[in-house]
Amino acid sequence: MDQPTASPSSRRRAKFAIGAGTILFALVGLIGWAMARPGSTSYYLTPTELHARGPSTTKSYRVSGNVAPGSIRHHGLATTFSVTDAHSQVRVTTRQPLPSAFKPGAQVVADGTYNGRSFSATQVLAKCPSKFKPKS
């Protein structure tokens, strides 16, 4: 006796369902893996969060805040300034050129390492001031 065989369209649907399930499973797995990595959900830390994490010469951090007024000091090629989040501040030192938007009160993001006392930045980015201001 002949065994009934599945029609070509039902085999095609089964292959499609298996393929879609595999892709969905891989996507969920990759998202879960990425979210489980330390620091993956935060693009940068505030000075308060940086102090709470403590010193690390091996980990690279991104710290963001406003440049504290009166804190900018130039020492040859090095520039030292403080970044604040209104609760605490961290001293930042860099030997890299600073962007033209860098000034007191500007929002900055600095990449680098933190030794517990100061932040050694390898790159400093500054947010451009908005040209559009709300009506007073």
C-alpha atoms as a PDB file:
ATOM      1  CA  MET A   1       0.000   0.000   0.000  1.00  0.00           C
ATOM      2  CA  ASP A   2       1.087   3.445  -0.757  1.00  0.00           C
ATOM      3  CA  GLN A   3       1.751   5.840   2.080  1.00  0.00           C
ATOM      4  CA  PRO A   4       0.144   9.263   1.667  1.00  0.00           C
ATOM      5  CA  THR A   5       2.819  11.904   1.086  1.00  0.00           C
ATOM      6  CA  ALA A   6       2.631  15.503   2.168  1.00  0.00           C
ATOM      7  CA  SER A   7       1.805  17.948  -0.524  1.00  0.00           C
ATOM      8  CA  PRO A   8       4.553  20.288  -1.737  1.00  0.00           C
ATOM      9  CA  SER A   9       2.772  23.304  -0.253  1.00  0.00           C
ATOM     10  CA  SER A  10       2.583  21.783   3.251  1.00  0.00           C
ATOM     11  CA  ARG A  11       6.308  20.867   3.110  1.00  0.00           C
ATOM     12  CA  ARG A  12       7.086  24.435   2.060  1.00  0.00           C
ATOM     13  CA  ARG A  13       5.062  25.800   5.002  1.00  0.00           C
ATOM     14  CA  ALA A  14       6.853  23.482   7.420  1.00  0.00           C
ATOM     15  CA  LYS A  15      10.288  24.590   6.125  1.00  0.00           C
ATOM     16  CA  PHE A  16       9.226  28.233   6.401  1.00  0.00           C
ATOM     17  CA  ALA A  17       7.986  27.732   9.985  1.00  0.00           C
ATOM     18  CA  ILE A  18      11.218  25.998  11.023  1.00  0.00           C
ATOM     19  CA  GLY A  19      13.340  28.716   9.400  1.00  0.00           C
ATOM     20  CA  ALA A  20      11.333  31.534  10.969  1.00  0.00           C
ATOM     21  CA  GLY A  21      11.507  29.826  14.383  1.00  0.00           C
ATOM     22  CA  THR A  22      15.277  29.440  14.106  1.00  0.00           C
ATOM     23  CA  ILE A  23      15.748  33.090  13.172  1.00  0.00           C
ATOM     24  CA  LEU A  24      13.439  34.250  15.989  1.00  0.00           C
ATOM     25  CA  PHE A  25      15.254  32.038  18.531  1.00  0.00           C
ATOM     26  CA  ALA A  26      18.656  33.391  17.408  1.00  0.00           C
ATOM     27  CA  LEU A  27      17.443  37.000  17.580  1.00  0.00           C
ATOM     28  CA  VAL A  28      16.015  36.598  21.095  1.00  0.00           C
ATOM     29  CA  GLY A  29      19.243  34.876  22.174  1.00  0.00           C
ATOM     30  CA  LEU A  30      21.432  37.679  20.803  1.00  0.00           C
ATOM     31  CA  ILE A  31      19.302  40.372  22.442  1.00  0.00           C
ATOM     32  CA  GLY A  32      19.418  38.513  25.764  1.00  0.00           C
ATOM     33  CA  TRP A  33      23.192  38.097  25.517  1.00  0.00           C
ATOM     34  CA  ALA A  34      23.709  41.801  24.694  1.00  0.00           C
ATOM     35  CA  MET A  35      21.481  42.981  27.546  1.00  0.00           C
ATOM     36  CA  ALA A  36      23.237  40.700  30.062  1.00  0.00           C
ATOM     37  CA  ARG A  37      26.648  42.267  29.407  1.00  0.00           C
ATOM     38  CA  PRO A  38      27.708  44.721  32.125  1.00  0.00           C
ATOM     39  CA  GLY A  39      27.163  48.335  31.119  1.00  0.00           C
ATOM     40  CA  SER A  40      25.303  47.450  27.944  1.00  0.00           C
ATOM     41  CA  THR A  41      22.163  49.366  28.825  1.00  0.00           C
ATOM     42  CA  SER A  42      23.941  52.585  29.756  1.00  0.00           C
ATOM     43  CA  TYR A  43      25.784  54.653  27.169  1.00  0.00           C
ATOM     44  CA  TYR A  44      27.543  56.707  29.836  1.00  0.00           C
ATOM     45  CA  LEU A  45      27.788  57.239  33.588  1.00  0.00           C
ATOM     46  CA  THR A  46      27.183  60.404  35.571  1.00  0.00           C
ATOM     47  CA  PRO A  47      29.927  61.524  37.988  1.00  0.00           C
ATOM     48  CA  THR A  48      27.828  60.179  40.899  1.00  0.00           C
ATOM     49  CA  GLU A  49      27.556  56.737  39.232  1.00  0.00           C
ATOM     50  CA  LEU A  50      31.282  56.785  38.404  1.00  0.00           C
ATOM     51  CA  HIS A  51      32.196  57.430  42.065  1.00  0.00           C
ATOM     52  CA  ALA A  52      29.872  54.577  43.102  1.00  0.00           C
ATOM     53  CA  ARG A  53      31.588  52.143  40.692  1.00  0.00           C
ATOM     54  CA  GLY A  54      34.984  52.976  42.125  1.00  0.00           C
ATOM     55  CA  PRO A  55      38.439  52.991  40.554  1.00  0.00           C
ATOM     56  CA  SER A  56      39.496  50.678  37.737  1.00  0.00           C
ATOM     57  CA  THR A  57      42.590  51.049  35.599  1.00  0.00           C
ATOM     58  CA  THR A  58      41.530  48.227  33.272  1.00  0.00           C
ATOM     59  CA  LYS A  59      37.908  49.222  32.538  1.00  0.00           C
ATOM     60  CA  SER A  60      37.083  52.010  30.149  1.00  0.00           C
ATOM     61  CA  TYR A  61      34.187  54.269  31.090  1.00  0.00           C
ATOM     62  CA  ARG A  62      32.169  57.069  29.508  1.00  0.00           C
ATOM     63  CA  VAL A  63      31.291  59.876  31.869  1.00  0.00           C
ATOM     64  CA  SER A  64      28.840  62.657  31.027  1.00  0.00           C
ATOM     65  CA  GLY A  65      27.927  65.930  32.655  1.00  0.00           C
ATOM     66  CA  ASN A  66      28.406  69.672  32.429  1.00  0.00           C
ATOM     67  CA  VAL A  67      31.797  71.372  32.523  1.00  0.00           C
ATOM     68  CA  ALA A  68      32.015  73.092  35.910  1.00  0.00           C
ATOM     69  CA  PRO A  69      32.484  76.868  35.514  1.00  0.00           C
ATOM     70  CA  GLY A  70      35.983  78.051  36.474  1.00  0.00           C
ATOM     71  CA  SER A  71      37.454  74.537  36.430  1.00  0.00           C
ATOM     72  CA  ILE A  72      39.265  74.592  33.055  1.00  0.00           C
ATOM     73  CA  ARG A  73      43.071  74.632  33.357  1.00  0.00           C
ATOM     74  CA  HIS A  74      45.576  74.281  30.515  1.00  0.00           C
ATOM     75  CA  HIS A  75      49.010  72.813  31.305  1.00  0.00           C
ATOM     76  CA  GLY A  76      50.953  72.658  28.039  1.00  0.00           C
ATOM     77  CA  LEU A  77      49.249  69.983  25.954  1.00  0.00           C
ATOM     78  CA  ALA A  78      47.148  68.722  28.868  1.00  0.00           C
ATOM     79  CA  THR A  79      43.798  70.178  29.845  1.00  0.00           C
ATOM     80  CA  THR A  80      42.171  69.578  33.212  1.00  0.00           C
ATOM     81  CA  PHE A  81      38.531  70.376  34.020  1.00  0.00           C
ATOM     82  CA  SER A  82      35.698  69.130  36.212  1.00  0.00           C
ATOM     83  CA  VAL A  83      32.500  67.477  35.029  1.00  0.00           C
ATOM     84  CA  THR A  84      29.465  67.756  37.299  1.00  0.00           C
ATOM     85  CA  ASP A  85      25.954  66.331  37.468  1.00  0.00           C
ATOM     86  CA  ALA A  86      24.788  68.771  40.203  1.00  0.00           C
ATOM     87  CA  HIS A  87      25.356  66.107  42.915  1.00  0.00           C
ATOM     88  CA  SER A  88      29.056  65.395  42.533  1.00  0.00           C
ATOM     89  CA  GLN A  89      31.902  66.124  40.184  1.00  0.00           C
ATOM     90  CA  VAL A  90      34.924  64.348  38.773  1.00  0.00           C
ATOM     91  CA  ARG A  91      38.230  65.835  37.672  1.00  0.00           C
ATOM     92  CA  VAL A  92      39.029  65.040  34.009  1.00  0.00           C
ATOM     93  CA  THR A  93      42.481  65.258  32.415  1.00  0.00           C
ATOM     94  CA  THR A  94      43.126  64.892  28.686  1.00  0.00           C
ATOM     95  CA  ARG A  95      45.971  65.440  26.244  1.00  0.00           C
ATOM     96  CA  GLN A  96      43.643  65.340  23.232  1.00  0.00           C
ATOM     97  CA  PRO A  97      42.397  68.409  21.343  1.00  0.00           C
ATOM     98  CA  LEU A  98      39.051  69.637  22.632  1.00  0.00           C
ATOM     99  CA  PRO A  99      36.055  70.347  20.370  1.00  0.00           C
ATOM    100  CA  SER A 100      35.122  73.930  19.543  1.00  0.00           C
ATOM    101  CA  ALA A 101      31.853  73.598  21.508  1.00  0.00           C
ATOM    102  CA  PHE A 102      33.850  72.882  24.703  1.00  0.00           C
ATOM    103  CA  LYS A 103      33.344  75.718  27.206  1.00  0.00           C
ATOM    104  CA  PRO A 104      32.179  76.196  30.812  1.00  0.00           C
ATOM    105  CA  GLY A 105      28.667  74.825  31.286  1.00  0.00           C
ATOM    106  CA  ALA A 106      28.758  72.734  28.074  1.00  0.00           C
ATOM    107  CA  GLN A 107      27.512  69.143  28.187  1.00  0.00           C
ATOM    108  CA  VAL A 108      30.393  66.748  27.536  1.00  0.00           C
ATOM    109  CA  VAL A 109      31.003  63.007  27.252  1.00  0.00           C
ATOM    110  CA  ALA A 110      34.525  61.784  28.042  1.00  0.00           C
ATOM    111  CA  ASP A 111      35.923  58.295  27.306  1.00  0.00           C
ATOM    112  CA  GLY A 112      38.713  56.957  29.487  1.00  0.00           C
ATOM    113  CA  THR A 113      39.741  55.359  32.781  1.00  0.00           C
ATOM    114  CA  TYR A 114      39.098  56.312  36.399  1.00  0.00           C
ATOM    115  CA  ASN A 115      41.679  55.807  39.159  1.00  0.00           C
ATOM    116  CA  GLY A 116      39.485  56.910  42.060  1.00  0.00           C
ATOM    117  CA  ARG A 117      40.728  60.520  42.138  1.00  0.00           C
ATOM    118  CA  SER A 118      40.654  61.665  38.507  1.00  0.00           C
ATOM    119  CA  PHE A 119      39.387  60.571  35.121  1.00  0.00           C
ATOM    120  CA  SER A 120      41.989  60.224  32.359  1.00  0.00           C
ATOM    121  CA  ALA A 121      40.174  60.885  29.068  1.00  0.00           C
ATOM    122  CA  THR A 122      41.285  59.604  25.678  1.00  0.00           C
ATOM    123  CA  GLN A 123      38.455  61.464  23.928  1.00  0.00           C
ATOM    124  CA  VAL A 124      36.168  64.353  24.865  1.00  0.00           C
ATOM    125  CA  LEU A 125      32.968  65.158  22.959  1.00  0.00           C
ATOM    126  CA  ALA A 126      30.882  68.294  23.541  1.00  0.00           C
ATOM    127  CA  LYS A 127      27.227  68.803  22.765  1.00  0.00           C
ATOM    128  CA  CYS A 128      26.619  71.703  20.406  1.00  0.00           C
ATOM    129  CA  PRO A 129      24.438  74.398  21.944  1.00  0.00           C
ATOM    130  CA  SER A 130      20.942  74.563  20.519  1.00  0.00           C
ATOM    131  CA  LYS A 131      20.177  77.404  18.142  1.00  0.00           C
ATOM    132  CA  PHE A 132      16.510  77.138  19.044  1.00  0.00           C
ATOM    133  CA  LYS A 133      15.619  78.492  22.464  1.00  0.00           C
ATOM    134  CA  PRO A 134      12.146  78.428  23.969  1.00  0.00           C
ATOM    135  CA  LYS A 135      10.283  81.734  24.243  1.00  0.00           C
ATOM    136  CA  SER A 136      10.637  83.377  27.640  1.00  0.00           C
END
